Amino acid sequence: MGLDFSLRAFLTHWRSVVVVGTIDLVINFPLCLLMGYLLGWTLIETLFLAGIMYMSSSAVVAKSLIELKRVANPETETILAIMVYEDLVIALYMAVLSGMAVSGRAEGWPAALAVMKGIGFCGAFILGARLGRRWIERLLSQDSSELFLLLVSALIMLSSFGAVALGLSEAIGAFMFGLLVSETDQKSRVYDTFIPFQQFFAALFFVSFGMLIEYREFLYVAPVAVLLFVLALAGKILAGVLAGWVKGFPKLARWNIGFALTPKGEFSIVLAGIAVTAVRPEIHIGALTALWVLLSSIAGPTLMKESARLVECSERLRPWVAQRLGKVPEA
């Protein structure tokens, strides 16, 4: 995941990224927090829910854009800018939440300490990516494929254990190392070397996550999952349409952006995996996330594929709706 993040692209187009990304954040994050509050969850549980609901799946979105042949569309740059912004926000957020999960507290000094640790840890890697690129390139420029594999594996472990030593999740350590390498010319070599491991361990991760879920729990969480799905869908579409309007795109392009933000996936599952140990068992956070991600990962690509038809139908229905709303019943 970290390798897919481009710090260089963020810094090159940071104004545009910040504008559209902040629109998404301001609309969806408070909505997620409000849902946790209305469900009567504790603060740390609500914060986990907000992170799980806020993040879109960059993997699903990128794959859908390629399959739909929309990579060259003008609005695709805005979609990717929001993905980059979300990746950066969720990296910092996941670092803070993992610290809170370890301490089991989300108030006062423990929360402030977790925030400082998370920001400091991520900031050190971001600074290293910007200022230490030459040394990283030199370190990773190994002719021997065996030595290269062992070296990168050791650095991943070192980053992960460094995160654990600070009371953060090992996942954020691995993510930030990927971000560090993504700024070097060795990115493609690392990716090609580790893609088999990614596929294998990703499968193991989802198996282990699935083992934490009792299928009977779906019956308990279904109403809440559907409600969260509908609200998250509406929030993401609204944010995308508004971001497209700010950028001056036509109607179809604005809706394309909104629909592209709706799929959920990898980051939501990762956060849910961390949350399992930090929230009350009766919440069934694993089953809730799994069902909700399943719904959004089906609905998102479908909405992206049928966006033109849906916009056309809305145009046809607009006069009828306006006529019905404008009718005043006779006395």
C-alpha atoms as a PDB file:
ATOM      1  CA  MET A   1       0.000   0.000   0.000  1.00  0.00           C
ATOM      2  CA  GLY A   2       2.811   2.372   0.839  1.00  0.00           C
ATOM      3  CA  LEU A   3       4.465   1.803  -2.540  1.00  0.00           C
ATOM      4  CA  ASP A   4       1.295   3.003  -4.257  1.00  0.00           C
ATOM      5  CA  PHE A   5       1.452   6.360  -2.446  1.00  0.00           C
ATOM      6  CA  SER A   6       3.276   9.142  -4.314  1.00  0.00           C
ATOM      7  CA  LEU A   7       4.632  11.823  -2.024  1.00  0.00           C
ATOM      8  CA  ARG A   8       6.189  13.513  -5.046  1.00  0.00           C
ATOM      9  CA  ALA A   9       2.799  13.832  -6.761  1.00  0.00           C
ATOM     10  CA  PHE A  10       1.311  15.213  -3.562  1.00  0.00           C
ATOM     11  CA  LEU A  11       4.000  17.876  -3.212  1.00  0.00           C
ATOM     12  CA  THR A  12       3.860  18.776  -6.930  1.00  0.00           C
ATOM     13  CA  HIS A  13       0.086  19.319  -6.996  1.00  0.00           C
ATOM     14  CA  TRP A  14      -0.452  19.930  -3.290  1.00  0.00           C
ATOM     15  CA  ARG A  15      -2.835  22.882  -3.697  1.00  0.00           C
ATOM     16  CA  SER A  16      -5.278  20.943  -5.850  1.00  0.00           C
ATOM     17  CA  VAL A  17      -4.888  17.830  -3.687  1.00  0.00           C
ATOM     18  CA  VAL A  18      -5.542  19.762  -0.475  1.00  0.00           C
ATOM     19  CA  VAL A  19      -8.624  21.553  -1.848  1.00  0.00           C
ATOM     20  CA  VAL A  20     -10.484  18.496  -3.159  1.00  0.00           C
ATOM     21  CA  GLY A  21      -9.214  16.238  -0.371  1.00  0.00           C
ATOM     22  CA  THR A  22     -10.354  18.645   2.326  1.00  0.00           C
ATOM     23  CA  ILE A  23     -13.843  18.792   0.799  1.00  0.00           C
ATOM     24  CA  ASP A  24     -14.016  15.010   1.098  1.00  0.00           C
ATOM     25  CA  LEU A  25     -12.664  15.067   4.656  1.00  0.00           C
ATOM     26  CA  VAL A  26     -14.927  17.875   5.913  1.00  0.00           C
ATOM     27  CA  ILE A  27     -18.088  16.224   4.573  1.00  0.00           C
ATOM     28  CA  ASN A  28     -17.445  12.579   5.411  1.00  0.00           C
ATOM     29  CA  PHE A  29     -15.389  12.513   8.590  1.00  0.00           C
ATOM     30  CA  PRO A  30     -17.896  14.456  10.772  1.00  0.00           C
ATOM     31  CA  LEU A  31     -20.673  12.291   9.324  1.00  0.00           C
ATOM     32  CA  CYS A  32     -18.782   9.170  10.426  1.00  0.00           C
ATOM     33  CA  LEU A  33     -18.189  10.591  13.901  1.00  0.00           C
ATOM     34  CA  LEU A  34     -21.875  11.489  14.186  1.00  0.00           C
ATOM     35  CA  MET A  35     -22.875   7.918  13.358  1.00  0.00           C
ATOM     36  CA  GLY A  36     -20.681   6.512  16.126  1.00  0.00           C
ATOM     37  CA  TYR A  37     -22.123   9.019  18.582  1.00  0.00           C
ATOM     38  CA  LEU A  38     -25.723   8.172  17.620  1.00  0.00           C
ATOM     39  CA  LEU A  39     -24.962   4.456  17.994  1.00  0.00           C
ATOM     40  CA  GLY A  40     -23.838   5.133  21.569  1.00  0.00           C
ATOM     41  CA  TRP A  41     -20.261   3.961  21.012  1.00  0.00           C
ATOM     42  CA  THR A  42     -17.305   5.104  23.113  1.00  0.00           C
ATOM     43  CA  LEU A  43     -14.863   7.688  21.774  1.00  0.00           C
ATOM     44  CA  ILE A  44     -12.206   5.208  20.672  1.00  0.00           C
ATOM     45  CA  GLU A  45     -14.843   3.003  19.029  1.00  0.00           C
ATOM     46  CA  THR A  46     -16.269   6.027  17.211  1.00  0.00           C
ATOM     47  CA  LEU A  47     -12.798   7.030  16.027  1.00  0.00           C
ATOM     48  CA  PHE A  48     -12.214   3.560  14.612  1.00  0.00           C
ATOM     49  CA  LEU A  49     -15.601   3.659  12.876  1.00  0.00           C
ATOM     50  CA  ALA A  50     -14.775   7.056  11.359  1.00  0.00           C
ATOM     51  CA  GLY A  51     -11.493   5.772   9.954  1.00  0.00           C
ATOM     52  CA  ILE A  52     -13.116   2.633   8.556  1.00  0.00           C
ATOM     53  CA  MET A  53     -15.933   4.595   6.898  1.00  0.00           C
ATOM     54  CA  TYR A  54     -13.868   7.522   5.629  1.00  0.00           C
ATOM     55  CA  MET A  55     -11.301   5.670   3.543  1.00  0.00           C
ATOM     56  CA  SER A  56     -12.026   4.748  -0.089  1.00  0.00           C
ATOM     57  CA  SER A  57     -10.293   1.811  -1.739  1.00  0.00           C
ATOM     58  CA  SER A  58      -7.582   3.149  -4.052  1.00  0.00           C
ATOM     59  CA  ALA A  59      -6.999  -0.394  -5.380  1.00  0.00           C
ATOM     60  CA  VAL A  60     -10.643  -0.908  -6.409  1.00  0.00           C
ATOM     61  CA  VAL A  61     -10.898   2.628  -7.797  1.00  0.00           C
ATOM     62  CA  ALA A  62      -7.704   2.335  -9.864  1.00  0.00           C
ATOM     63  CA  LYS A  63      -8.725  -1.063 -11.246  1.00  0.00           C
ATOM     64  CA  SER A  64     -12.199   0.238 -12.164  1.00  0.00           C
ATOM     65  CA  LEU A  65     -10.769   3.319 -13.894  1.00  0.00           C
ATOM     66  CA  ILE A  66      -8.496   1.108 -16.000  1.00  0.00           C
ATOM     67  CA  GLU A  67     -11.252  -1.359 -16.902  1.00  0.00           C
ATOM     68  CA  LEU A  68     -13.663   1.462 -17.806  1.00  0.00           C
ATOM     69  CA  LYS A  69     -10.933   3.203 -19.866  1.00  0.00           C
ATOM     70  CA  ARG A  70     -11.286   6.457 -17.947  1.00  0.00           C
ATOM     71  CA  VAL A  71      -7.634   6.924 -17.010  1.00  0.00           C
ATOM     72  CA  ALA A  72      -7.285   9.752 -19.553  1.00  0.00           C
ATOM     73  CA  ASN A  73     -10.520  11.507 -18.491  1.00  0.00           C
ATOM     74  CA  PRO A  74     -10.023  15.032 -17.101  1.00  0.00           C
ATOM     75  CA  GLU A  75     -11.775  14.189 -13.814  1.00  0.00           C
ATOM     76  CA  THR A  76      -9.484  11.205 -13.138  1.00  0.00           C
ATOM     77  CA  GLU A  77      -6.745  13.547 -11.888  1.00  0.00           C
ATOM     78  CA  THR A  78      -9.149  14.864  -9.235  1.00  0.00           C
ATOM     79  CA  ILE A  79     -10.138  11.322  -8.227  1.00  0.00           C
ATOM     80  CA  LEU A  80      -6.489  10.335  -7.801  1.00  0.00           C
ATOM     81  CA  ALA A  81      -5.767  13.565  -5.904  1.00  0.00           C
ATOM     82  CA  ILE A  82      -8.456  12.643  -3.365  1.00  0.00           C
ATOM     83  CA  MET A  83      -7.009   9.124  -3.113  1.00  0.00           C
ATOM     84  CA  VAL A  84      -3.542  10.563  -2.387  1.00  0.00           C
ATOM     85  CA  TYR A  85      -4.982  12.894   0.267  1.00  0.00           C
ATOM     86  CA  GLU A  86      -6.891  10.044   1.906  1.00  0.00           C
ATOM     87  CA  ASP A  87      -3.772   7.842   1.936  1.00  0.00           C
ATOM     88  CA  LEU A  88      -1.770  10.536   3.729  1.00  0.00           C
ATOM     89  CA  VAL A  89      -4.534  11.299   6.228  1.00  0.00           C
ATOM     90  CA  ILE A  90      -5.239   7.657   7.000  1.00  0.00           C
ATOM     91  CA  ALA A  91      -1.519   6.891   7.482  1.00  0.00           C
ATOM     92  CA  LEU A  92      -1.319   9.502  10.246  1.00  0.00           C
ATOM     93  CA  TYR A  93      -4.732   8.501  11.565  1.00  0.00           C
ATOM     94  CA  MET A  94      -3.884   4.800  11.680  1.00  0.00           C
ATOM     95  CA  ALA A  95      -0.670   5.569  13.551  1.00  0.00           C
ATOM     96  CA  VAL A  96      -2.600   7.538  16.183  1.00  0.00           C
ATOM     97  CA  LEU A  97      -5.392   4.967  16.482  1.00  0.00           C
ATOM     98  CA  SER A  98      -2.975   2.068  16.831  1.00  0.00           C
ATOM     99  CA  GLY A  99      -1.323   3.919  19.714  1.00  0.00           C
ATOM    100  CA  MET A 100      -4.707   4.413  21.361  1.00  0.00           C
ATOM    101  CA  ALA A 101      -5.572   0.767  20.789  1.00  0.00           C
ATOM    102  CA  VAL A 102      -2.402  -0.338  22.569  1.00  0.00           C
ATOM    103  CA  SER A 103      -3.021   1.973  25.523  1.00  0.00           C
ATOM    104  CA  GLY A 104      -6.769   1.248  25.494  1.00  0.00           C
ATOM    105  CA  ARG A 105      -7.490   4.908  26.225  1.00  0.00           C
ATOM    106  CA  ALA A 106      -8.596   7.823  24.055  1.00  0.00           C
ATOM    107  CA  GLU A 107      -8.571  10.717  26.471  1.00  0.00           C
ATOM    108  CA  GLY A 108      -6.180  13.172  28.030  1.00  0.00           C
ATOM    109  CA  TRP A 109      -2.456  12.584  28.065  1.00  0.00           C
ATOM    110  CA  PRO A 110      -2.481   9.027  26.556  1.00  0.00           C
ATOM    111  CA  ALA A 111      -4.331  10.322  23.489  1.00  0.00           C
ATOM    112  CA  ALA A 112      -2.020  13.344  23.163  1.00  0.00           C
ATOM    113  CA  LEU A 113       1.029  11.089  23.485  1.00  0.00           C
ATOM    114  CA  ALA A 114      -0.350   8.737  20.833  1.00  0.00           C
ATOM    115  CA  VAL A 115      -0.914  11.693  18.497  1.00  0.00           C
ATOM    116  CA  MET A 116       2.649  12.964  19.015  1.00  0.00           C
ATOM    117  CA  LYS A 117       4.124   9.494  18.502  1.00  0.00           C
ATOM    118  CA  GLY A 118       2.098   8.914  15.339  1.00  0.00           C
ATOM    119  CA  ILE A 119       2.886  12.295  13.795  1.00  0.00           C
ATOM    120  CA  GLY A 120       6.567  12.046  14.778  1.00  0.00           C
ATOM    121  CA  PHE A 121       6.923   8.533  13.355  1.00  0.00           C
ATOM    122  CA  CYS A 122       5.215   9.362  10.049  1.00  0.00           C
ATOM    123  CA  GLY A 123       6.970  12.738   9.847  1.00  0.00           C
ATOM    124  CA  ALA A 124      10.387  11.084  10.192  1.00  0.00           C
ATOM    125  CA  PHE A 125       9.677   8.787   7.231  1.00  0.00           C
ATOM    126  CA  ILE A 126       8.273  11.629   5.107  1.00  0.00           C
ATOM    127  CA  LEU A 127      11.344  13.726   5.886  1.00  0.00           C
ATOM    128  CA  GLY A 128      13.570  10.770   5.057  1.00  0.00           C
ATOM    129  CA  ALA A 129      11.779  10.304   1.724  1.00  0.00           C
ATOM    130  CA  ARG A 130      12.427  13.932   0.814  1.00  0.00           C
ATOM    131  CA  LEU A 131      15.942  14.462   2.133  1.00  0.00           C
ATOM    132  CA  GLY A 132      17.481  10.996   2.227  1.00  0.00           C
ATOM    133  CA  ARG A 133      16.610   9.725  -1.222  1.00  0.00           C
ATOM    134  CA  ARG A 134      20.259   9.561  -2.368  1.00  0.00           C
ATOM    135  CA  TRP A 135      21.318   7.411   0.592  1.00  0.00           C
ATOM    136  CA  ILE A 136      18.290   5.138   0.272  1.00  0.00           C
ATOM    137  CA  GLU A 137      19.058   4.651  -3.428  1.00  0.00           C
ATOM    138  CA  ARG A 138      22.656   3.760  -2.592  1.00  0.00           C
ATOM    139  CA  LEU A 139      21.598   1.346   0.155  1.00  0.00           C
ATOM    140  CA  LEU A 140      19.106  -0.480  -2.067  1.00  0.00           C
ATOM    141  CA  SER A 141      21.347  -0.595  -5.168  1.00  0.00           C
ATOM    142  CA  GLN A 142      22.392  -4.215  -4.676  1.00  0.00           C
ATOM    143  CA  ASP A 143      23.310  -6.330  -7.702  1.00  0.00           C
ATOM    144  CA  SER A 144      22.595  -9.594  -5.914  1.00  0.00           C
ATOM    145  CA  SER A 145      18.886 -10.401  -5.985  1.00  0.00           C
ATOM    146  CA  GLU A 146      19.259 -12.555  -2.843  1.00  0.00           C
ATOM    147  CA  LEU A 147      20.956  -9.755  -0.907  1.00  0.00           C
ATOM    148  CA  PHE A 148      18.370  -7.265  -2.164  1.00  0.00           C
ATOM    149  CA  LEU A 149      15.508  -9.491  -0.955  1.00  0.00           C
ATOM    150  CA  LEU A 150      17.100  -9.995   2.468  1.00  0.00           C
ATOM    151  CA  LEU A 151      17.963  -6.311   2.842  1.00  0.00           C
ATOM    152  CA  VAL A 152      14.472  -5.016   2.016  1.00  0.00           C
ATOM    153  CA  SER A 153      12.867  -7.694   4.203  1.00  0.00           C
ATOM    154  CA  ALA A 154      15.088  -6.676   7.108  1.00  0.00           C
ATOM    155  CA  LEU A 155      14.240  -2.986   6.617  1.00  0.00           C
ATOM    156  CA  ILE A 156      10.527  -3.779   6.558  1.00  0.00           C
ATOM    157  CA  MET A 157      10.904  -5.698   9.825  1.00  0.00           C
ATOM    158  CA  LEU A 158      12.958  -2.890  11.328  1.00  0.00           C
ATOM    159  CA  SER A 159      10.312  -0.296  10.419  1.00  0.00           C
ATOM    160  CA  SER A 160       7.519  -2.486  11.766  1.00  0.00           C
ATOM    161  CA  PHE A 161       9.260  -3.251  15.052  1.00  0.00           C
ATOM    162  CA  GLY A 162      10.162   0.428  15.391  1.00  0.00           C
ATOM    163  CA  ALA A 163       6.457   1.240  15.197  1.00  0.00           C
ATOM    164  CA  VAL A 164       5.658  -1.454  17.776  1.00  0.00           C
ATOM    165  CA  ALA A 165       8.360  -0.091  20.100  1.00  0.00           C
ATOM    166  CA  LEU A 166       6.595   3.283  20.013  1.00  0.00           C
ATOM    167  CA  GLY A 167       3.260   1.673  20.836  1.00  0.00           C
ATOM    168  CA  LEU A 168       1.963   1.851  17.255  1.00  0.00           C
ATOM    169  CA  SER A 169       0.812  -0.878  14.896  1.00  0.00           C
ATOM    170  CA  GLU A 170       3.362  -2.845  12.864  1.00  0.00           C
ATOM    171  CA  ALA A 171       1.131  -2.161   9.841  1.00  0.00           C
ATOM    172  CA  ILE A 172       1.889   1.567   9.943  1.00  0.00           C
ATOM    173  CA  GLY A 173       5.618   0.796  10.091  1.00  0.00           C
ATOM    174  CA  ALA A 174       5.437  -1.310   6.932  1.00  0.00           C
ATOM    175  CA  PHE A 175       3.232   1.281   5.219  1.00  0.00           C
ATOM    176  CA  MET A 176       5.652   4.132   5.941  1.00  0.00           C
ATOM    177  CA  PHE A 177       8.619   2.079   4.695  1.00  0.00           C
ATOM    178  CA  GLY A 178       6.710   1.535   1.452  1.00  0.00           C
ATOM    179  CA  LEU A 179       6.169   5.292   1.213  1.00  0.00           C
ATOM    180  CA  LEU A 180       9.898   5.831   1.769  1.00  0.00           C
ATOM    181  CA  VAL A 181      10.820   3.448  -1.056  1.00  0.00           C
ATOM    182  CA  SER A 182       8.136   4.853  -3.390  1.00  0.00           C
ATOM    183  CA  GLU A 183      10.268   8.004  -3.850  1.00  0.00           C
ATOM    184  CA  THR A 184      13.275   6.059  -5.169  1.00  0.00           C
ATOM    185  CA  ASP A 185      14.135   4.492  -8.507  1.00  0.00           C
ATOM    186  CA  GLN A 186      14.103   1.093  -6.753  1.00  0.00           C
ATOM    187  CA  LYS A 187      10.306   1.208  -6.372  1.00  0.00           C
ATOM    188  CA  SER A 188       9.566  -1.024  -9.371  1.00  0.00           C
ATOM    189  CA  ARG A 189      12.242  -3.525  -8.315  1.00  0.00           C
ATOM    190  CA  VAL A 190      10.843  -3.740  -4.790  1.00  0.00           C
ATOM    191  CA  TYR A 191       7.338  -4.085  -6.168  1.00  0.00           C
ATOM    192  CA  ASP A 192       8.294  -6.853  -8.608  1.00  0.00           C
ATOM    193  CA  THR A 193      10.211  -8.698  -5.883  1.00  0.00           C
ATOM    194  CA  PHE A 194       7.484  -8.538  -3.261  1.00  0.00           C
ATOM    195  CA  ILE A 195       4.292  -8.832  -5.325  1.00  0.00           C
ATOM    196  CA  PRO A 196       4.162 -12.635  -4.789  1.00  0.00           C
ATOM    197  CA  PHE A 197       4.525 -12.082  -1.035  1.00  0.00           C
ATOM    198  CA  GLN A 198       1.838  -9.393  -1.162  1.00  0.00           C
ATOM    199  CA  GLN A 199      -0.633 -11.731  -2.831  1.00  0.00           C
ATOM    200  CA  PHE A 200       0.181 -14.607  -0.478  1.00  0.00           C
ATOM    201  CA  PHE A 201       0.150 -12.652   2.775  1.00  0.00           C
ATOM    202  CA  ALA A 202      -2.881 -10.619   1.722  1.00  0.00           C
ATOM    203  CA  ALA A 203      -4.735 -13.914   1.328  1.00  0.00           C
ATOM    204  CA  LEU A 204      -3.527 -15.026   4.768  1.00  0.00           C
ATOM    205  CA  PHE A 205      -4.580 -11.695   6.269  1.00  0.00           C
ATOM    206  CA  PHE A 206      -8.112 -11.974   4.941  1.00  0.00           C
ATOM    207  CA  VAL A 207      -8.296 -15.593   6.079  1.00  0.00           C
ATOM    208  CA  SER A 208      -7.201 -14.603   9.591  1.00  0.00           C
ATOM    209  CA  PHE A 209      -9.635 -11.689   9.586  1.00  0.00           C
ATOM    210  CA  GLY A 210     -12.430 -13.983   8.443  1.00  0.00           C
ATOM    211  CA  MET A 211     -11.629 -16.432  11.248  1.00  0.00           C
ATOM    212  CA  LEU A 212     -12.428 -13.674  13.748  1.00  0.00           C
ATOM    213  CA  ILE A 213     -15.969 -13.421  12.395  1.00  0.00           C
ATOM    214  CA  GLU A 214     -18.872 -15.714  13.195  1.00  0.00           C
ATOM    215  CA  TYR A 215     -21.230 -15.803  10.235  1.00  0.00           C
ATOM    216  CA  ARG A 216     -24.161 -15.590  12.667  1.00  0.00           C
ATOM    217  CA  GLU A 217     -22.942 -12.085  13.574  1.00  0.00           C
ATOM    218  CA  PHE A 218     -24.072 -10.833  10.165  1.00  0.00           C
ATOM    219  CA  LEU A 219     -27.665 -11.169  11.361  1.00  0.00           C
ATOM    220  CA  TYR A 220     -26.982  -8.824  14.277  1.00  0.00           C
ATOM    221  CA  VAL A 221     -25.053  -6.197  12.341  1.00  0.00           C
ATOM    222  CA  ALA A 222     -27.024  -6.200   9.062  1.00  0.00           C
ATOM    223  CA  PRO A 223     -29.339  -3.233   9.905  1.00  0.00           C
ATOM    224  CA  VAL A 224     -26.438  -1.065  11.125  1.00  0.00           C
ATOM    225  CA  ALA A 225     -24.231  -2.126   8.189  1.00  0.00           C
ATOM    226  CA  VAL A 226     -26.915  -1.184   5.658  1.00  0.00           C
ATOM    227  CA  LEU A 227     -27.497   2.157   7.378  1.00  0.00           C
ATOM    228  CA  LEU A 228     -23.764   2.944   7.405  1.00  0.00           C
ATOM    229  CA  PHE A 229     -23.507   1.852   3.781  1.00  0.00           C
ATOM    230  CA  VAL A 230     -26.288   4.214   2.662  1.00  0.00           C
ATOM    231  CA  LEU A 231     -24.938   7.176   4.637  1.00  0.00           C
ATOM    232  CA  ALA A 232     -21.339   6.615   3.526  1.00  0.00           C
ATOM    233  CA  LEU A 233     -22.508   6.263  -0.074  1.00  0.00           C
ATOM    234  CA  ALA A 234     -24.414   9.557   0.097  1.00  0.00           C
ATOM    235  CA  GLY A 235     -21.523  11.360   1.805  1.00  0.00           C
ATOM    236  CA  LYS A 236     -18.920  10.231  -0.706  1.00  0.00           C
ATOM    237  CA  ILE A 237     -21.099  11.043  -3.722  1.00  0.00           C
ATOM    238  CA  LEU A 238     -21.860  14.497  -2.307  1.00  0.00           C
ATOM    239  CA  ALA A 239     -18.161  15.162  -1.656  1.00  0.00           C
ATOM    240  CA  GLY A 240     -17.173  14.037  -5.158  1.00  0.00           C
ATOM    241  CA  VAL A 241     -19.861  16.088  -6.884  1.00  0.00           C
ATOM    242  CA  LEU A 242     -18.921  19.161  -4.861  1.00  0.00           C
ATOM    243  CA  ALA A 243     -15.198  18.662  -5.597  1.00  0.00           C
ATOM    244  CA  GLY A 244     -16.007  18.369  -9.296  1.00  0.00           C
ATOM    245  CA  TRP A 245     -18.097  21.536  -9.133  1.00  0.00           C
ATOM    246  CA  VAL A 246     -15.214  23.416  -7.486  1.00  0.00           C
ATOM    247  CA  LYS A 247     -12.882  22.222 -10.261  1.00  0.00           C
ATOM    248  CA  GLY A 248     -15.379  23.364 -12.913  1.00  0.00           C
ATOM    249  CA  PHE A 249     -16.193  19.962 -14.416  1.00  0.00           C
ATOM    250  CA  PRO A 250     -19.450  19.256 -16.293  1.00  0.00           C
ATOM    251  CA  LYS A 251     -22.237  17.280 -14.639  1.00  0.00           C
ATOM    252  CA  LEU A 252     -21.247  13.771 -15.786  1.00  0.00           C
ATOM    253  CA  ALA A 253     -17.628  14.293 -14.717  1.00  0.00           C
ATOM    254  CA  ARG A 254     -18.781  15.506 -11.279  1.00  0.00           C
ATOM    255  CA  TRP A 255     -20.899  12.405 -10.781  1.00  0.00           C
ATOM    256  CA  ASN A 256     -18.037  10.227 -12.021  1.00  0.00           C
ATOM    257  CA  ILE A 257     -15.898  11.623  -9.212  1.00  0.00           C
ATOM    258  CA  GLY A 258     -18.624  11.030  -6.636  1.00  0.00           C
ATOM    259  CA  PHE A 259     -19.251   7.441  -7.704  1.00  0.00           C
ATOM    260  CA  ALA A 260     -15.500   6.709  -7.814  1.00  0.00           C
ATOM    261  CA  LEU A 261     -15.130   7.547  -4.109  1.00  0.00           C
ATOM    262  CA  THR A 262     -17.709   4.992  -2.939  1.00  0.00           C
ATOM    263  CA  PRO A 263     -15.808   1.644  -3.044  1.00  0.00           C
ATOM    264  CA  LYS A 264     -14.238   0.499   0.242  1.00  0.00           C
ATOM    265  CA  GLY A 265     -11.628  -2.166   0.747  1.00  0.00           C
ATOM    266  CA  GLU A 266      -8.140  -2.781   2.062  1.00  0.00           C
ATOM    267  CA  PHE A 267      -7.643   0.051   4.534  1.00  0.00           C
ATOM    268  CA  SER A 268     -11.053  -0.442   6.114  1.00  0.00           C
ATOM    269  CA  ILE A 269     -10.243  -4.117   6.697  1.00  0.00           C
ATOM    270  CA  VAL A 270      -6.790  -3.274   8.118  1.00  0.00           C
ATOM    271  CA  LEU A 271      -8.299  -0.758  10.561  1.00  0.00           C
ATOM    272  CA  ALA A 272     -11.000  -3.233  11.526  1.00  0.00           C
ATOM    273  CA  GLY A 273      -8.294  -5.819  12.230  1.00  0.00           C
ATOM    274  CA  ILE A 274      -6.643  -3.368  14.644  1.00  0.00           C
ATOM    275  CA  ALA A 275     -10.013  -2.361  16.111  1.00  0.00           C
ATOM    276  CA  VAL A 276     -10.985  -5.937  17.012  1.00  0.00           C
ATOM    277  CA  THR A 277      -8.669  -5.847  20.034  1.00  0.00           C
ATOM    278  CA  ALA A 278      -9.696  -2.340  21.128  1.00  0.00           C
ATOM    279  CA  VAL A 279     -13.508  -2.285  20.996  1.00  0.00           C
ATOM    280  CA  ARG A 280     -16.235  -4.147  22.842  1.00  0.00           C
ATOM    281  CA  PRO A 281     -16.989  -7.643  21.494  1.00  0.00           C
ATOM    282  CA  GLU A 282     -20.733  -6.953  21.392  1.00  0.00           C
ATOM    283  CA  ILE A 283     -20.172  -4.362  18.645  1.00  0.00           C
ATOM    284  CA  HIS A 284     -19.047  -7.114  16.242  1.00  0.00           C
ATOM    285  CA  ILE A 285     -16.761  -4.630  14.459  1.00  0.00           C
ATOM    286  CA  GLY A 286     -15.256  -7.347  12.253  1.00  0.00           C
ATOM    287  CA  ALA A 287     -18.577  -8.600  10.901  1.00  0.00           C
ATOM    288  CA  LEU A 288     -19.912  -5.059  10.587  1.00  0.00           C
ATOM    289  CA  THR A 289     -16.912  -3.946   8.535  1.00  0.00           C
ATOM    290  CA  ALA A 290     -16.860  -7.083   6.395  1.00  0.00           C
ATOM    291  CA  LEU A 291     -20.534  -6.772   5.438  1.00  0.00           C
ATOM    292  CA  TRP A 292     -20.305  -3.033   4.869  1.00  0.00           C
ATOM    293  CA  VAL A 293     -17.151  -3.346   2.721  1.00  0.00           C
ATOM    294  CA  LEU A 294     -18.805  -6.116   0.718  1.00  0.00           C
ATOM    295  CA  LEU A 295     -21.816  -3.898  -0.042  1.00  0.00           C
ATOM    296  CA  SER A 296     -19.707  -0.889  -1.000  1.00  0.00           C
ATOM    297  CA  SER A 297     -17.227  -2.885  -3.092  1.00  0.00           C
ATOM    298  CA  ILE A 298     -20.157  -4.211  -5.142  1.00  0.00           C
ATOM    299  CA  ALA A 299     -22.091  -0.946  -5.378  1.00  0.00           C
ATOM    300  CA  GLY A 300     -19.082   1.305  -6.085  1.00  0.00           C
ATOM    301  CA  PRO A 301     -17.823  -0.235  -9.348  1.00  0.00           C
ATOM    302  CA  THR A 302     -21.436  -0.704 -10.493  1.00  0.00           C
ATOM    303  CA  LEU A 303     -22.193   2.986  -9.991  1.00  0.00           C
ATOM    304  CA  MET A 304     -18.970   3.922 -11.802  1.00  0.00           C
ATOM    305  CA  LYS A 305     -19.882   1.706 -14.742  1.00  0.00           C
ATOM    306  CA  GLU A 306     -23.466   2.990 -15.027  1.00  0.00           C
ATOM    307  CA  SER A 307     -22.738   6.655 -14.240  1.00  0.00           C
ATOM    308  CA  ALA A 308     -23.725   7.976 -17.689  1.00  0.00           C
ATOM    309  CA  ARG A 309     -27.015   6.083 -17.641  1.00  0.00           C
ATOM    310  CA  LEU A 310     -27.813   7.214 -14.093  1.00  0.00           C
ATOM    311  CA  VAL A 311     -27.135  10.877 -14.938  1.00  0.00           C
ATOM    312  CA  GLU A 312     -29.296  10.564 -18.055  1.00  0.00           C
ATOM    313  CA  CYS A 313     -32.150   9.074 -16.005  1.00  0.00           C
ATOM    314  CA  SER A 314     -31.854  11.869 -13.435  1.00  0.00           C
ATOM    315  CA  GLU A 315     -32.124  14.437 -16.231  1.00  0.00           C
ATOM    316  CA  ARG A 316     -35.293  12.803 -17.500  1.00  0.00           C
ATOM    317  CA  LEU A 317     -36.812  12.673 -14.031  1.00  0.00           C
ATOM    318  CA  ARG A 318     -35.946  16.252 -13.116  1.00  0.00           C
ATOM    319  CA  PRO A 319     -38.900  17.939 -14.941  1.00  0.00           C
ATOM    320  CA  TRP A 320     -41.328  15.420 -13.439  1.00  0.00           C
ATOM    321  CA  VAL A 321     -39.954  15.925  -9.917  1.00  0.00           C
ATOM    322  CA  ALA A 322     -39.963  19.709 -10.321  1.00  0.00           C
ATOM    323  CA  GLN A 323     -43.544  19.589 -11.531  1.00  0.00           C
ATOM    324  CA  ARG A 324     -44.641  17.437  -8.590  1.00  0.00           C
ATOM    325  CA  LEU A 325     -42.860  19.590  -6.045  1.00  0.00           C
ATOM    326  CA  GLY A 326     -44.184  22.753  -7.611  1.00  0.00           C
ATOM    327  CA  LYS A 327     -47.807  21.623  -7.483  1.00  0.00           C
ATOM    328  CA  VAL A 328     -49.823  23.257  -4.760  1.00  0.00           C
ATOM    329  CA  PRO A 329     -53.003  21.374  -3.856  1.00  0.00           C
ATOM    330  CA  GLU A 330     -56.201  23.323  -4.289  1.00  0.00           C
ATOM    331  CA  ALA A 331     -58.038  24.501  -1.175  1.00  0.00           C
END
